[in-house]
Amino acid sequence: MIVTHNQENKTRIVTAPQSSLFLSLTATNIPSTVISVELNKNESVEWIWTMYPNGQEAVTGYNIITNS
């Protein structure tokens, strides 16, 4: 996961974790549908994972959580 800080706006960009690789000659690797999210200083992200029938997992969504 890569985090980039923007001092001007007090935000940061957090990249989504990569999908799990499924090594098979017949399977297609499914990329995550979320690339990154921009968060304020008091926010964190919870990634939503989907498991496919072939066993591969990919990030398909996220929830932004406001920290107190």
Protein backbone atom coordinates (compact mmCIF):
# COMPACT_ATOMS: atom_id res chain seq x y z
CA MET A 1 0.00 0.00 0.00
CA ILE A 2 1.36 3.42 -0.95
CA VAL A 3 0.38 6.59 0.90
CA THR A 4 0.98 10.02 -0.65
CA HIS A 5 0.54 13.11 1.52
CA ASN A 6 -0.69 16.48 0.25
CA GLN A 7 0.42 19.13 2.75
CA GLU A 8 -1.52 21.89 1.01
CA ASN A 9 -4.95 20.27 1.40
CA LYS A 10 -4.13 18.12 4.48
CA THR A 11 -5.22 15.01 2.60
CA ARG A 12 -3.53 11.77 1.66
CA ILE A 13 -4.04 9.29 -1.13
CA VAL A 14 -3.99 5.62 -0.15
CA THR A 15 -3.65 2.99 -2.87
CA ALA A 16 -5.73 -0.16 -2.66
CA PRO A 17 -3.99 -3.47 -1.96
CA GLN A 18 -3.33 -5.59 -5.03
CA SER A 19 -5.58 -8.52 -5.80
CA SER A 20 -4.27 -11.97 -5.01
CA LEU A 21 -2.62 -13.66 -7.94
CA PHE A 22 -4.10 -16.93 -9.05
CA LEU A 23 -1.50 -18.81 -11.03
CA SER A 24 -3.21 -21.07 -13.53
CA LEU A 25 -3.09 -21.48 -17.27
CA THR A 26 -6.88 -21.43 -17.52
CA ALA A 27 -7.71 -18.68 -15.01
CA THR A 28 -7.86 -14.94 -15.66
CA ASN A 29 -6.39 -12.67 -13.00
CA ILE A 30 -9.05 -10.17 -11.98
CA PRO A 31 -7.67 -6.72 -11.07
CA SER A 32 -9.02 -4.72 -8.16
CA THR A 33 -11.73 -2.30 -9.24
CA VAL A 34 -10.59 0.37 -6.77
CA ILE A 35 -7.25 2.05 -7.44
CA SER A 36 -6.96 4.56 -4.60
CA VAL A 37 -8.92 6.81 -2.25
CA GLU A 38 -8.26 10.34 -1.01
CA LEU A 39 -8.62 10.71 2.75
CA ASN A 40 -8.70 13.67 5.10
CA LYS A 41 -6.41 13.76 8.11
CA ASN A 42 -9.08 12.29 10.43
CA GLU A 43 -10.19 9.47 8.09
CA SER A 44 -9.13 5.88 7.47
CA VAL A 45 -10.19 3.34 4.88
CA GLU A 46 -11.64 -0.16 5.21
CA TRP A 47 -11.20 -2.22 2.04
CA ILE A 48 -14.02 -4.49 0.85
CA TRP A 49 -12.76 -7.73 -0.67
CA THR A 50 -14.61 -10.13 -2.99
CA MET A 51 -13.63 -13.78 -3.31
CA TYR A 52 -14.26 -15.30 -6.73
CA PRO A 53 -15.09 -18.97 -7.45
CA ASN A 54 -11.52 -19.65 -8.59
CA GLY A 55 -10.22 -18.54 -5.16
CA GLN A 56 -8.89 -15.18 -6.26
CA GLU A 57 -9.57 -12.16 -4.06
CA ALA A 58 -9.81 -8.54 -5.23
CA VAL A 59 -10.72 -5.19 -3.67
CA THR A 60 -14.14 -4.24 -5.02
CA GLY A 61 -15.08 -1.39 -2.72
CA TYR A 62 -14.23 0.60 0.37
CA ASN A 63 -15.69 2.41 3.37
CA ILE A 64 -14.25 5.70 4.60
CA ILE A 65 -14.25 5.83 8.39
CA THR A 66 -14.12 9.12 10.28
CA ASN A 67 -11.85 8.78 13.31
CA SER A 68 -12.63 10.78 16.42
